[in-house]
Amino acid sequence: MSAADKPLPPAFKDLANDHQAIKGILIHLNLASQDEAITIKALTGGVSSNIFQLTTKQAQYCLKQALPQLKVAKQWLAPVDRVFAEIDWLQTAASIAPDAVPKILGIDQTSKSFVMQHLGAEYLNWKAELLVARVAEKVAGQLGNIVGRIHSQTALKEDIAKRFANDDTFYAIRLEPYLEEAARQHPELSPHLKALIKRTQHNPKVLVHGDVSPKNIMLGPLGPVILDAECAWYGDPAFDVAFCLNHFFLKAAHMPRLAPALLQGAQDFLKAYLQEVTWESVPELEYRIASLLPGLMLARIDGKSPVEYLAAERGAVVRTLAIEFLKQDDVSFSIIHERWSQAFAN
């Protein structure tokens, strides 16, 4: 039985339509009193969790609960206990880059949920900003530095590796719905994609976030703030880097007018990240990043979570380029960058 197929705990209850249960959690965590009114607003945008904005007399909070079935068209199951890996990642990252993660204010074991700092109106969602053509120049480099520092300070540490030995969960919510599904859709590429899966599974070097994506980055007064660490896993650093780089390339395909700025952002992110790498050979890591990237590109076209903003004809170009790169033994970031510029920035 895989991690995703395990039965839910008997006490698990979906909080989506249970405001009384949400209020009870706040009271239990001493974040609200028994008699006070609480305004509860469901937040949209994510596919893997219930997320609520909670307003009490004293403050605003955000409550997050992991869901067993993700909100996508194809069946995508995931273990709800992943919420505790997310909590641990946020707490670990806070010890390294305290301004780059929200503060955790309370944990409710029964509902598999936690309450964290609510990021107010001064925080802007990076994905939303990019999709309305606002490219903040410094963000990519700042984010590359943050991810690099978290990787560097958790690299090759046995105690952290044991805490985040979430191999089954990572496979269920990252490798299977992305690379395995792409392999099912493209049998001729299955050997390439399965080799990427195997390699990714056998490079346990750093604490991986697993979803470094603009939708999970808030732009605040002190720089980027990283959310949504439920994929947290001790594994291959190439995954975080390639996963984030993929979004620069996909948005460049979507918005050719902004392609030069977005592709520069990809370069800035990678450069800032690689400056923090001390735990292994930079060329070796760069190769794993570059060869994984086209697999993730293809997965966002033909995997279980296709990118929603790409027009069909641009998605077809992304698919063609990703397949071309997957078949190149000597693929590199510079090759991908140059070909993308030729396809979308001219």
Foldseek 3Di string as FASTA:
>chain_A
DFQLPDDDDPLADACPPPVVVVVVQCVVLVNAPPPWDKDWDWDDDFFFWTWIWIDTPVAIKIKIFGDQFTRFDDTAGFHRLLLVVQVVLQVLLCVFVVVQAWAWRAADPSHSMTMTHDDDPQKAQQVVCVVVPNDDQCQLLVQLQSLLRQFLVFWPDPVVQVVFAPLSRLCRHPLCQFLVQLCVVPVVLVVLSVVLVVVFSPAQTGWAQQAPESRQWIQHPVGIHGHDSSSIHRTQSLRNLLNHLLRLLVSCLLPLQCNVSSLVSNVSSVVSNLVSDDNDDSVVSQLSNQLVNLSRLSRLLRGRNNDDRHDPVSSVVSNVLSVVSSPDPPGGPVVSSVVSCVVRND
